[in-house]
Amino acid sequence: NGYMGIRGAHEEDYPIQKRGLFVAGI
């Protein structure tokens, strides 16, 4: 929403999966 972005990673874990929660300016 411009303030933050949440990558579309699966809820369950996988070995090579890269999660990401980013807030603009941090």
mmCIF file of all heavy atoms, coordinates in Angstrom:
data_MODEL
# 
_entry.id   MODEL 
# 
loop_
_atom_site.group_PDB 
_atom_site.id 
_atom_site.type_symbol 
_atom_site.label_atom_id 
_atom_site.label_alt_id 
_atom_site.label_comp_id 
_atom_site.label_asym_id 
_atom_site.label_entity_id 
_atom_site.label_seq_id 
_atom_site.pdbx_PDB_ins_code 
_atom_site.Cartn_x 
_atom_site.Cartn_y 
_atom_site.Cartn_z 
_atom_site.occupancy 
_atom_site.B_iso_or_equiv 
_atom_site.pdbx_formal_charge 
_atom_site.auth_seq_id 
_atom_site.auth_comp_id 
_atom_site.auth_asym_id 
_atom_site.auth_atom_id 
_atom_site.pdbx_PDB_model_num 
ATOM 1   N N   . ASN A 1 1  ? 0.817  -1.213  0.000  1.00 0.00 ? 1  ASN A N   1 
ATOM 2   C CA  . ASN A 1 1  ? 0.000  0.000   0.000  1.00 0.00 ? 1  ASN A CA  1 
ATOM 3   C C   . ASN A 1 1  ? 0.853  1.267   0.000  1.00 0.00 ? 1  ASN A C   1 
ATOM 4   O O   . ASN A 1 1  ? 0.367  2.342   0.354  1.00 0.00 ? 1  ASN A O   1 
ATOM 5   C CB  . ASN A 1 1  ? -0.947 0.004   1.209  1.00 0.00 ? 1  ASN A CB  1 
ATOM 6   C CG  . ASN A 1 1  ? -0.217 -0.268  2.516  1.00 0.00 ? 1  ASN A CG  1 
ATOM 7   O OD1 . ASN A 1 1  ? 0.964  0.039   2.669  1.00 0.00 ? 1  ASN A OD1 1 
ATOM 8   N ND2 . ASN A 1 1  ? -0.922 -0.858  3.476  1.00 0.00 ? 1  ASN A ND2 1 
ATOM 9   N N   . GLY A 1 2  ? 2.112  1.160   -0.392 1.00 0.00 ? 2  GLY A N   1 
ATOM 10  C CA  . GLY A 1 2  ? 3.006  2.309   -0.401 1.00 0.00 ? 2  GLY A CA  1 
ATOM 11  C C   . GLY A 1 2  ? 3.725  2.512   0.910  1.00 0.00 ? 2  GLY A C   1 
ATOM 12  O O   . GLY A 1 2  ? 4.861  2.977   0.933  1.00 0.00 ? 2  GLY A O   1 
ATOM 13  N N   . TYR A 1 3  ? 3.071  2.184   2.011  1.00 0.00 ? 3  TYR A N   1 
ATOM 14  C CA  . TYR A 1 3  ? 3.704  2.235   3.328  1.00 0.00 ? 3  TYR A CA  1 
ATOM 15  C C   . TYR A 1 3  ? 4.566  0.997   3.531  1.00 0.00 ? 3  TYR A C   1 
ATOM 16  O O   . TYR A 1 3  ? 5.679  1.079   4.041  1.00 0.00 ? 3  TYR A O   1 
ATOM 17  C CB  . TYR A 1 3  ? 2.636  2.316   4.416  1.00 0.00 ? 3  TYR A CB  1 
ATOM 18  C CG  . TYR A 1 3  ? 3.176  2.315   5.832  1.00 0.00 ? 3  TYR A CG  1 
ATOM 19  C CD1 . TYR A 1 3  ? 3.611  3.497   6.422  1.00 0.00 ? 3  TYR A CD1 1 
ATOM 20  C CD2 . TYR A 1 3  ? 3.234  1.143   6.580  1.00 0.00 ? 3  TYR A CD2 1 
ATOM 21  C CE1 . TYR A 1 3  ? 4.100  3.508   7.721  1.00 0.00 ? 3  TYR A CE1 1 
ATOM 22  C CE2 . TYR A 1 3  ? 3.727  1.136   7.875  1.00 0.00 ? 3  TYR A CE2 1 
ATOM 23  C CZ  . TYR A 1 3  ? 4.152  2.321   8.444  1.00 0.00 ? 3  TYR A CZ  1 
ATOM 24  O OH  . TYR A 1 3  ? 4.643  2.327   9.726  1.00 0.00 ? 3  TYR A OH  1 
ATOM 25  N N   . MET A 1 4  ? 4.041  -0.150  3.137  1.00 0.00 ? 4  MET A N   1 
ATOM 26  C CA  . MET A 1 4  ? 4.771  -1.399  3.307  1.00 0.00 ? 4  MET A CA  1 
ATOM 27  C C   . MET A 1 4  ? 4.434  -2.360  2.179  1.00 0.00 ? 4  MET A C   1 
ATOM 28  O O   . MET A 1 4  ? 3.430  -2.216  1.478  1.00 0.00 ? 4  MET A O   1 
ATOM 29  C CB  . MET A 1 4  ? 4.440  -2.042  4.659  1.00 0.00 ? 4  MET A CB  1 
ATOM 30  C CG  . MET A 1 4  ? 2.977  -2.378  4.861  1.00 0.00 ? 4  MET A CG  1 
ATOM 31  S SD  . MET A 1 4  ? 2.697  -3.055  6.517  1.00 0.00 ? 4  MET A SD  1 
ATOM 32  C CE  . MET A 1 4  ? 0.913  -2.868  6.676  1.00 0.00 ? 4  MET A CE  1 
ATOM 33  N N   . GLY A 1 5  ? 5.314  -3.340  2.016  1.00 0.00 ? 5  GLY A N   1 
ATOM 34  C CA  . GLY A 1 5  ? 5.083  -4.416  1.069  1.00 0.00 ? 5  GLY A CA  1 
ATOM 35  C C   . GLY A 1 5  ? 5.367  -5.738  1.745  1.00 0.00 ? 5  GLY A C   1 
ATOM 36  O O   . GLY A 1 5  ? 6.322  -5.871  2.515  1.00 0.00 ? 5  GLY A O   1 
ATOM 37  N N   . ILE A 1 6  ? 4.516  -6.726  1.473  1.00 0.00 ? 6  ILE A N   1 
ATOM 38  C CA  . ILE A 1 6  ? 4.694  -8.066  2.039  1.00 0.00 ? 6  ILE A CA  1 
ATOM 39  C C   . ILE A 1 6  ? 4.786  -9.043  0.874  1.00 0.00 ? 6  ILE A C   1 
ATOM 40  O O   . ILE A 1 6  ? 3.868  -9.139  0.057  1.00 0.00 ? 6  ILE A O   1 
ATOM 41  C CB  . ILE A 1 6  ? 3.545  -8.437  3.012  1.00 0.00 ? 6  ILE A CB  1 
ATOM 42  C CG1 . ILE A 1 6  ? 3.755  -9.823  3.623  1.00 0.00 ? 6  ILE A CG1 1 
ATOM 43  C CG2 . ILE A 1 6  ? 2.183  -8.322  2.364  1.00 0.00 ? 6  ILE A CG2 1 
ATOM 44  C CD1 . ILE A 1 6  ? 4.683  -9.836  4.785  1.00 0.00 ? 6  ILE A CD1 1 
ATOM 45  N N   . ARG A 1 7  ? 5.932  -9.701  0.758  1.00 0.00 ? 7  ARG A N   1 
ATOM 46  C CA  . ARG A 1 7  ? 6.124  -10.631 -0.347 1.00 0.00 ? 7  ARG A CA  1 
ATOM 47  C C   . ARG A 1 7  ? 5.101  -11.763 -0.304 1.00 0.00 ? 7  ARG A C   1 
ATOM 48  O O   . ARG A 1 7  ? 4.673  -12.192 0.765  1.00 0.00 ? 7  ARG A O   1 
ATOM 49  C CB  . ARG A 1 7  ? 7.538  -11.220 -0.306 1.00 0.00 ? 7  ARG A CB  1 
ATOM 50  C CG  . ARG A 1 7  ? 8.593  -10.285 -0.856 1.00 0.00 ? 7  ARG A CG  1 
ATOM 51  C CD  . ARG A 1 7  ? 9.999  -10.786 -0.625 1.00 0.00 ? 7  ARG A CD  1 
ATOM 52  N NE  . ARG A 1 7  ? 10.283 -12.045 -1.297 1.00 0.00 ? 7  ARG A NE  1 
ATOM 53  C CZ  . ARG A 1 7  ? 10.649 -12.176 -2.565 1.00 0.00 ? 7  ARG A CZ  1 
ATOM 54  N NH1 . ARG A 1 7  ? 10.749 -11.098 -3.333 1.00 0.00 ? 7  ARG A NH1 1 
ATOM 55  N NH2 . ARG A 1 7  ? 10.923 -13.369 -3.087 1.00 0.00 ? 7  ARG A NH2 1 
ATOM 56  N N   . GLY A 1 8  ? 4.769  -12.267 -1.493 1.00 0.00 ? 8  GLY A N   1 
ATOM 57  C CA  . GLY A 1 8  ? 3.770  -13.327 -1.592 1.00 0.00 ? 8  GLY A CA  1 
ATOM 58  C C   . GLY A 1 8  ? 4.360  -14.700 -1.344 1.00 0.00 ? 8  GLY A C   1 
ATOM 59  O O   . GLY A 1 8  ? 4.097  -15.647 -2.100 1.00 0.00 ? 8  GLY A O   1 
ATOM 60  N N   . ALA A 1 9  ? 5.137  -14.818 -0.274 1.00 0.00 ? 9  ALA A N   1 
ATOM 61  C CA  . ALA A 1 9  ? 5.668  -16.122 0.115  1.00 0.00 ? 9  ALA A CA  1 
ATOM 62  C C   . ALA A 1 9  ? 4.530  -16.965 0.690  1.00 0.00 ? 9  ALA A C   1 
ATOM 63  O O   . ALA A 1 9  ? 3.557  -16.438 1.231  1.00 0.00 ? 9  ALA A O   1 
ATOM 64  C CB  . ALA A 1 9  ? 6.783  -15.959 1.146  1.00 0.00 ? 9  ALA A CB  1 
ATOM 65  N N   . HIS A 1 10 ? 4.672  -18.280 0.602  1.00 0.00 ? 10 HIS A N   1 
ATOM 66  C CA  . HIS A 1 10 ? 3.666  -19.183 1.157  1.00 0.00 ? 10 HIS A CA  1 
ATOM 67  C C   . HIS A 1 10 ? 3.658  -19.078 2.684  1.00 0.00 ? 10 HIS A C   1 
ATOM 68  O O   . HIS A 1 10 ? 4.679  -18.765 3.306  1.00 0.00 ? 10 HIS A O   1 
ATOM 69  C CB  . HIS A 1 10 ? 3.967  -20.624 0.754  1.00 0.00 ? 10 HIS A CB  1 
ATOM 70  C CG  . HIS A 1 10 ? 3.830  -20.875 -0.709 1.00 0.00 ? 10 HIS A CG  1 
ATOM 71  N ND1 . HIS A 1 10 ? 2.668  -21.347 -1.283 1.00 0.00 ? 10 HIS A ND1 1 
ATOM 72  C CD2 . HIS A 1 10 ? 4.712  -20.717 -1.734 1.00 0.00 ? 10 HIS A CD2 1 
ATOM 73  C CE1 . HIS A 1 10 ? 2.833  -21.478 -2.588 1.00 0.00 ? 10 HIS A CE1 1 
ATOM 74  N NE2 . HIS A 1 10 ? 4.074  -21.100 -2.890 1.00 0.00 ? 10 HIS A NE2 1 
ATOM 75  N N   . GLU A 1 11 ? 2.513  -19.389 3.266  1.00 0.00 ? 11 GLU A N   1 
ATOM 76  C CA  . GLU A 1 11 ? 2.432  -19.402 4.718  1.00 0.00 ? 11 GLU A CA  1 
ATOM 77  C C   . GLU A 1 11 ? 3.358  -20.463 5.305  1.00 0.00 ? 11 GLU A C   1 
ATOM 78  O O   . GLU A 1 11 ? 4.049  -20.219 6.297  1.00 0.00 ? 11 GLU A O   1 
ATOM 79  C CB  . GLU A 1 11 ? 0.986  -19.675 5.164  1.00 0.00 ? 11 GLU A CB  1 
ATOM 80  C CG  . GLU A 1 11 ? 0.031  -18.518 4.988  1.00 0.00 ? 11 GLU A CG  1 
ATOM 81  C CD  . GLU A 1 11 ? -0.387 -18.267 3.541  1.00 0.00 ? 11 GLU A CD  1 
ATOM 82  O OE1 . GLU A 1 11 ? -0.053 -19.098 2.654  1.00 0.00 ? 11 GLU A OE1 1 
ATOM 83  O OE2 . GLU A 1 11 ? -1.040 -17.241 3.290  1.00 0.00 ? 11 GLU A OE2 1 
ATOM 84  N N   . GLU A 1 12 ? 3.397  -21.634 4.702  1.00 0.00 ? 12 GLU A N   1 
ATOM 85  C CA  . GLU A 1 12 ? 4.278  -22.706 5.171  1.00 0.00 ? 12 GLU A CA  1 
ATOM 86  C C   . GLU A 1 12 ? 5.697  -22.474 4.658  1.00 0.00 ? 12 GLU A C   1 
ATOM 87  O O   . GLU A 1 12 ? 5.904  -21.822 3.637  1.00 0.00 ? 12 GLU A O   1 
ATOM 88  C CB  . GLU A 1 12 ? 3.752  -24.068 4.713  1.00 0.00 ? 12 GLU A CB  1 
ATOM 89  C CG  . GLU A 1 12 ? 3.765  -24.323 3.230  1.00 0.00 ? 12 GLU A CG  1 
ATOM 90  C CD  . GLU A 1 12 ? 2.542  -23.831 2.470  1.00 0.00 ? 12 GLU A CD  1 
ATOM 91  O OE1 . GLU A 1 12 ? 1.793  -22.994 3.014  1.00 0.00 ? 12 GLU A OE1 1 
ATOM 92  O OE2 . GLU A 1 12 ? 2.356  -24.272 1.322  1.00 0.00 ? 12 GLU A OE2 1 
ATOM 93  N N   . ASP A 1 13 ? 6.681  -23.009 5.368  1.00 0.00 ? 13 ASP A N   1 
ATOM 94  C CA  . ASP A 1 13 ? 8.079  -22.786 5.029  1.00 0.00 ? 13 ASP A CA  1 
ATOM 95  C C   . ASP A 1 13 ? 8.565  -23.774 3.973  1.00 0.00 ? 13 ASP A C   1 
ATOM 96  O O   . ASP A 1 13 ? 8.136  -24.934 3.939  1.00 0.00 ? 13 ASP A O   1 
ATOM 97  C CB  . ASP A 1 13 ? 8.959  -22.921 6.274  1.00 0.00 ? 13 ASP A CB  1 
ATOM 98  C CG  . ASP A 1 13 ? 9.014  -21.632 7.082  1.00 0.00 ? 13 ASP A CG  1 
ATOM 99  O OD1 . ASP A 1 13 ? 8.905  -20.554 6.480  1.00 0.00 ? 13 ASP A OD1 1 
ATOM 100 O OD2 . ASP A 1 13 ? 9.163  -21.709 8.319  1.00 0.00 ? 13 ASP A OD2 1 
ATOM 101 N N   . TYR A 1 14 ? 9.491  -23.269 3.136  1.00 0.00 ? 14 TYR A N   1 
ATOM 102 C CA  . TYR A 1 14 ? 10.214 -24.104 2.178  1.00 0.00 ? 14 TYR A CA  1 
ATOM 103 C C   . TYR A 1 14 ? 11.679 -23.681 2.208  1.00 0.00 ? 14 TYR A C   1 
ATOM 104 O O   . TYR A 1 14 ? 11.982 -22.503 2.452  1.00 0.00 ? 14 TYR A O   1 
ATOM 105 C CB  . TYR A 1 14 ? 9.622  -23.969 0.774  1.00 0.00 ? 14 TYR A CB  1 
ATOM 106 C CG  . TYR A 1 14 ? 8.204  -24.473 0.710  1.00 0.00 ? 14 TYR A CG  1 
ATOM 107 C CD1 . TYR A 1 14 ? 7.125  -23.599 0.784  1.00 0.00 ? 14 TYR A CD1 1 
ATOM 108 C CD2 . TYR A 1 14 ? 7.943  -25.838 0.639  1.00 0.00 ? 14 TYR A CD2 1 
ATOM 109 C CE1 . TYR A 1 14 ? 5.821  -24.068 0.767  1.00 0.00 ? 14 TYR A CE1 1 
ATOM 110 C CE2 . TYR A 1 14 ? 6.635  -26.315 0.616  1.00 0.00 ? 14 TYR A CE2 1 
ATOM 111 C CZ  . TYR A 1 14 ? 5.581  -25.428 0.688  1.00 0.00 ? 14 TYR A CZ  1 
ATOM 112 O OH  . TYR A 1 14 ? 4.294  -25.900 0.689  1.00 0.00 ? 14 TYR A OH  1 
ATOM 113 N N   . PRO A 1 15 ? 12.600 -24.601 1.953  1.00 0.00 ? 15 PRO A N   1 
ATOM 114 C CA  . PRO A 1 15 ? 14.024 -24.330 2.190  1.00 0.00 ? 15 PRO A CA  1 
ATOM 115 C C   . PRO A 1 15 ? 14.577 -23.099 1.470  1.00 0.00 ? 15 PRO A C   1 
ATOM 116 O O   . PRO A 1 15 ? 15.364 -22.358 2.041  1.00 0.00 ? 15 PRO A O   1 
ATOM 117 C CB  . PRO A 1 15 ? 14.713 -25.619 1.705  1.00 0.00 ? 15 PRO A CB  1 
ATOM 118 C CG  . PRO A 1 15 ? 13.676 -26.682 1.845  1.00 0.00 ? 15 PRO A CG  1 
ATOM 119 C CD  . PRO A 1 15 ? 12.367 -26.008 1.558  1.00 0.00 ? 15 PRO A CD  1 
ATOM 120 N N   . ILE A 1 16 ? 14.201 -22.874 0.221  1.00 0.00 ? 16 ILE A N   1 
ATOM 121 C CA  . ILE A 1 16 ? 14.787 -21.763 -0.537 1.00 0.00 ? 16 ILE A CA  1 
ATOM 122 C C   . ILE A 1 16 ? 13.874 -20.540 -0.576 1.00 0.00 ? 16 ILE A C   1 
ATOM 123 O O   . ILE A 1 16 ? 14.204 -19.536 -1.209 1.00 0.00 ? 16 ILE A O   1 
ATOM 124 C CB  . ILE A 1 16 ? 15.118 -22.198 -1.974 1.00 0.00 ? 16 ILE A CB  1 
ATOM 125 C CG1 . ILE A 1 16 ? 13.840 -22.582 -2.732 1.00 0.00 ? 16 ILE A CG1 1 
ATOM 126 C CG2 . ILE A 1 16 ? 16.124 -23.331 -1.979 1.00 0.00 ? 16 ILE A CG2 1 
ATOM 127 C CD1 . ILE A 1 16 ? 14.072 -22.829 -4.212 1.00 0.00 ? 16 ILE A CD1 1 
ATOM 128 N N   . GLN A 1 17 ? 12.748 -20.599 0.087  1.00 0.00 ? 17 GLN A N   1 
ATOM 129 C CA  . GLN A 1 17 ? 11.783 -19.505 0.016  1.00 0.00 ? 17 GLN A CA  1 
ATOM 130 C C   . GLN A 1 17 ? 12.299 -18.279 0.755  1.00 0.00 ? 17 GLN A C   1 
ATOM 131 O O   . GLN A 1 17 ? 12.811 -18.376 1.861  1.00 0.00 ? 17 GLN A O   1 
ATOM 132 C CB  . GLN A 1 17 ? 10.453 -19.954 0.626  1.00 0.00 ? 17 GLN A CB  1 
ATOM 133 C CG  . GLN A 1 17 ? 9.376  -18.873 0.654  1.00 0.00 ? 17 GLN A CG  1 
ATOM 134 C CD  . GLN A 1 17 ? 8.033  -19.420 1.085  1.00 0.00 ? 17 GLN A CD  1 
ATOM 135 O OE1 . GLN A 1 17 ? 7.135  -19.538 0.276  1.00 0.00 ? 17 GLN A OE1 1 
ATOM 136 N NE2 . GLN A 1 17 ? 7.907  -19.782 2.355  1.00 0.00 ? 17 GLN A NE2 1 
ATOM 137 N N   . LYS A 1 18 ? 12.135 -17.100 0.131  1.00 0.00 ? 18 LYS A N   1 
ATOM 138 C CA  . LYS A 1 18 ? 12.566 -15.838 0.721  1.00 0.00 ? 18 LYS A CA  1 
ATOM 139 C C   . LYS A 1 18 ? 11.361 -15.004 1.115  1.00 0.00 ? 18 LYS A C   1 
ATOM 140 O O   . LYS A 1 18 ? 10.608 -14.525 0.269  1.00 0.00 ? 18 LYS A O   1 
ATOM 141 C CB  . LYS A 1 18 ? 13.430 -15.059 -0.274 1.00 0.00 ? 18 LYS A CB  1 
ATOM 142 C CG  . LYS A 1 18 ? 14.013 -13.774 0.293  1.00 0.00 ? 18 LYS A CG  1 
ATOM 143 C CD  . LYS A 1 18 ? 14.984 -14.038 1.430  1.00 0.00 ? 18 LYS A CD  1 
ATOM 144 C CE  . LYS A 1 18 ? 15.616 -12.758 1.922  1.00 0.00 ? 18 LYS A CE  1 
ATOM 145 N NZ  . LYS A 1 18 ? 16.497 -12.980 3.088  1.00 0.00 ? 18 LYS A NZ  1 
ATOM 146 N N   . ARG A 1 19 ? 11.179 -14.858 2.434  1.00 0.00 ? 19 ARG A N   1 
ATOM 147 C CA  . ARG A 1 19 ? 10.100 -14.012 2.938  1.00 0.00 ? 19 ARG A CA  1 
ATOM 148 C C   . ARG A 1 19 ? 10.545 -12.550 2.928  1.00 0.00 ? 19 ARG A C   1 
ATOM 149 O O   . ARG A 1 19 ? 11.735 -12.249 2.842  1.00 0.00 ? 19 ARG A O   1 
ATOM 150 C CB  . ARG A 1 19 ? 9.716  -14.423 4.353  1.00 0.00 ? 19 ARG A CB  1 
ATOM 151 C CG  . ARG A 1 19 ? 9.200  -15.847 4.460  1.00 0.00 ? 19 ARG A CG  1 
ATOM 152 C CD  . ARG A 1 19 ? 8.644  -16.127 5.858  1.00 0.00 ? 19 ARG A CD  1 
ATOM 153 N NE  . ARG A 1 19 ? 8.154  -17.497 5.942  1.00 0.00 ? 19 ARG A NE  1 
ATOM 154 C CZ  . ARG A 1 19 ? 6.951  -17.885 5.534  1.00 0.00 ? 19 ARG A CZ  1 
ATOM 155 N NH1 . ARG A 1 19 ? 6.118  -16.988 5.018  1.00 0.00 ? 19 ARG A NH1 1 
ATOM 156 N NH2 . ARG A 1 19 ? 6.574  -19.144 5.634  1.00 0.00 ? 19 ARG A NH2 1 
ATOM 157 N N   . GLY A 1 20 ? 9.604  -11.655 3.072  1.00 0.00 ? 20 GLY A N   1 
ATOM 158 C CA  . GLY A 1 20 ? 9.980  -10.253 3.136  1.00 0.00 ? 20 GLY A CA  1 
ATOM 159 C C   . GLY A 1 20 ? 8.837  -9.361  3.557  1.00 0.00 ? 20 GLY A C   1 
ATOM 160 O O   . GLY A 1 20 ? 7.746  -9.423  2.984  1.00 0.00 ? 20 GLY A O   1 
ATOM 161 N N   . LEU A 1 21 ? 9.071  -8.560  4.576  1.00 0.00 ? 21 LEU A N   1 
ATOM 162 C CA  . LEU A 1 21 ? 8.178  -7.468  4.969  1.00 0.00 ? 21 LEU A CA  1 
ATOM 163 C C   . LEU A 1 21 ? 9.035  -6.215  4.987  1.00 0.00 ? 21 LEU A C   1 
ATOM 164 O O   . LEU A 1 21 ? 10.027 -6.139  5.728  1.00 0.00 ? 21 LEU A O   1 
ATOM 165 C CB  . LEU A 1 21 ? 7.558  -7.719  6.345  1.00 0.00 ? 21 LEU A CB  1 
ATOM 166 C CG  . LEU A 1 21 ? 6.787  -6.537  6.959  1.00 0.00 ? 21 LEU A CG  1 
ATOM 167 C CD1 . LEU A 1 21 ? 5.610  -6.108  6.079  1.00 0.00 ? 21 LEU A CD1 1 
ATOM 168 C CD2 . LEU A 1 21 ? 6.300  -6.873  8.364  1.00 0.00 ? 21 LEU A CD2 1 
ATOM 169 N N   . PHE A 1 22 ? 8.679  -5.248  4.172  1.00 0.00 ? 22 PHE A N   1 
ATOM 170 C CA  . PHE A 1 22 ? 9.464  -4.027  4.034  1.00 0.00 ? 22 PHE A CA  1 
ATOM 171 C C   . PHE A 1 22 ? 8.575  -2.809  4.275  1.00 0.00 ? 22 PHE A C   1 
ATOM 172 O O   . PHE A 1 22 ? 7.461  -2.739  3.758  1.00 0.00 ? 22 PHE A O   1 
ATOM 173 C CB  . PHE A 1 22 ? 10.072 -3.937  2.632  1.00 0.00 ? 22 PHE A CB  1 
ATOM 174 C CG  . PHE A 1 22 ? 10.847 -5.172  2.237  1.00 0.00 ? 22 PHE A CG  1 
ATOM 175 C CD1 . PHE A 1 22 ? 10.256 -6.153  1.444  1.00 0.00 ? 22 PHE A CD1 1 
ATOM 176 C CD2 . PHE A 1 22 ? 12.138 -5.359  2.672  1.00 0.00 ? 22 PHE A CD2 1 
ATOM 177 C CE1 . PHE A 1 22 ? 10.954 -7.289  1.079  1.00 0.00 ? 22 PHE A CE1 1 
ATOM 178 C CE2 . PHE A 1 22 ? 12.845 -6.503  2.320  1.00 0.00 ? 22 PHE A CE2 1 
ATOM 179 C CZ  . PHE A 1 22 ? 12.262 -7.473  1.525  1.00 0.00 ? 22 PHE A CZ  1 
ATOM 180 N N   . VAL A 1 23 ? 9.094  -1.868  5.051  1.00 0.00 ? 23 VAL A N   1 
ATOM 181 C CA  . VAL A 1 23 ? 8.414  -0.598  5.267  1.00 0.00 ? 23 VAL A CA  1 
ATOM 182 C C   . VAL A 1 23 ? 9.243  0.500   4.616  1.00 0.00 ? 23 VAL A C   1 
ATOM 183 O O   . VAL A 1 23 ? 10.467 0.571   4.818  1.00 0.00 ? 23 VAL A O   1 
ATOM 184 C CB  . VAL A 1 23 ? 8.225  -0.307  6.766  1.00 0.00 ? 23 VAL A CB  1 
ATOM 185 C CG1 . VAL A 1 23 ? 7.727  1.119   6.988  1.00 0.00 ? 23 VAL A CG1 1 
ATOM 186 C CG2 . VAL A 1 23 ? 7.238  -1.299  7.370  1.00 0.00 ? 23 VAL A CG2 1 
ATOM 187 N N   . ALA A 1 24 ? 8.606  1.337   3.817  1.00 0.00 ? 24 ALA A N   1 
ATOM 188 C CA  . ALA A 1 24 ? 9.314  2.400   3.110  1.00 0.00 ? 24 ALA A CA  1 
ATOM 189 C C   . ALA A 1 24 ? 10.063 3.285   4.101  1.00 0.00 ? 24 ALA A C   1 
ATOM 190 O O   . ALA A 1 24 ? 9.493  3.758   5.090  1.00 0.00 ? 24 ALA A O   1 
ATOM 191 C CB  . ALA A 1 24 ? 8.321  3.236   2.304  1.00 0.00 ? 24 ALA A CB  1 
ATOM 192 N N   . GLY A 1 25 ? 11.350 3.476   3.836  1.00 0.00 ? 25 GLY A N   1 
ATOM 193 C CA  . GLY A 1 25 ? 12.155 4.375   4.657  1.00 0.00 ? 25 GLY A CA  1 
ATOM 194 C C   . GLY A 1 25 ? 12.920 3.719   5.781  1.00 0.00 ? 25 GLY A C   1 
ATOM 195 O O   . GLY A 1 25 ? 13.730 4.385   6.441  1.00 0.00 ? 25 GLY A O   1 
ATOM 196 N N   . ILE A 1 26 ? 12.701 2.430   6.038  1.00 0.00 ? 26 ILE A N   1 
ATOM 197 C CA  . ILE A 1 26 ? 13.429 1.738   7.101  1.00 0.00 ? 26 ILE A CA  1 
ATOM 198 C C   . ILE A 1 26 ? 14.703 1.129   6.503  1.00 0.00 ? 26 ILE A C   1 
ATOM 199 O O   . ILE A 1 26 ? 14.659 0.122   5.800  1.00 0.00 ? 26 ILE A O   1 
ATOM 200 C CB  . ILE A 1 26 ? 12.570 0.659   7.776  1.00 0.00 ? 26 ILE A CB  1 
ATOM 201 C CG1 . ILE A 1 26 ? 11.338 1.292   8.426  1.00 0.00 ? 26 ILE A CG1 1 
ATOM 202 C CG2 . ILE A 1 26 ? 13.382 -0.094  8.814  1.00 0.00 ? 26 ILE A CG2 1 
ATOM 203 C CD1 . ILE A 1 26 ? 11.647 2.249   9.564  1.00 0.00 ? 26 ILE A CD1 1 
# 
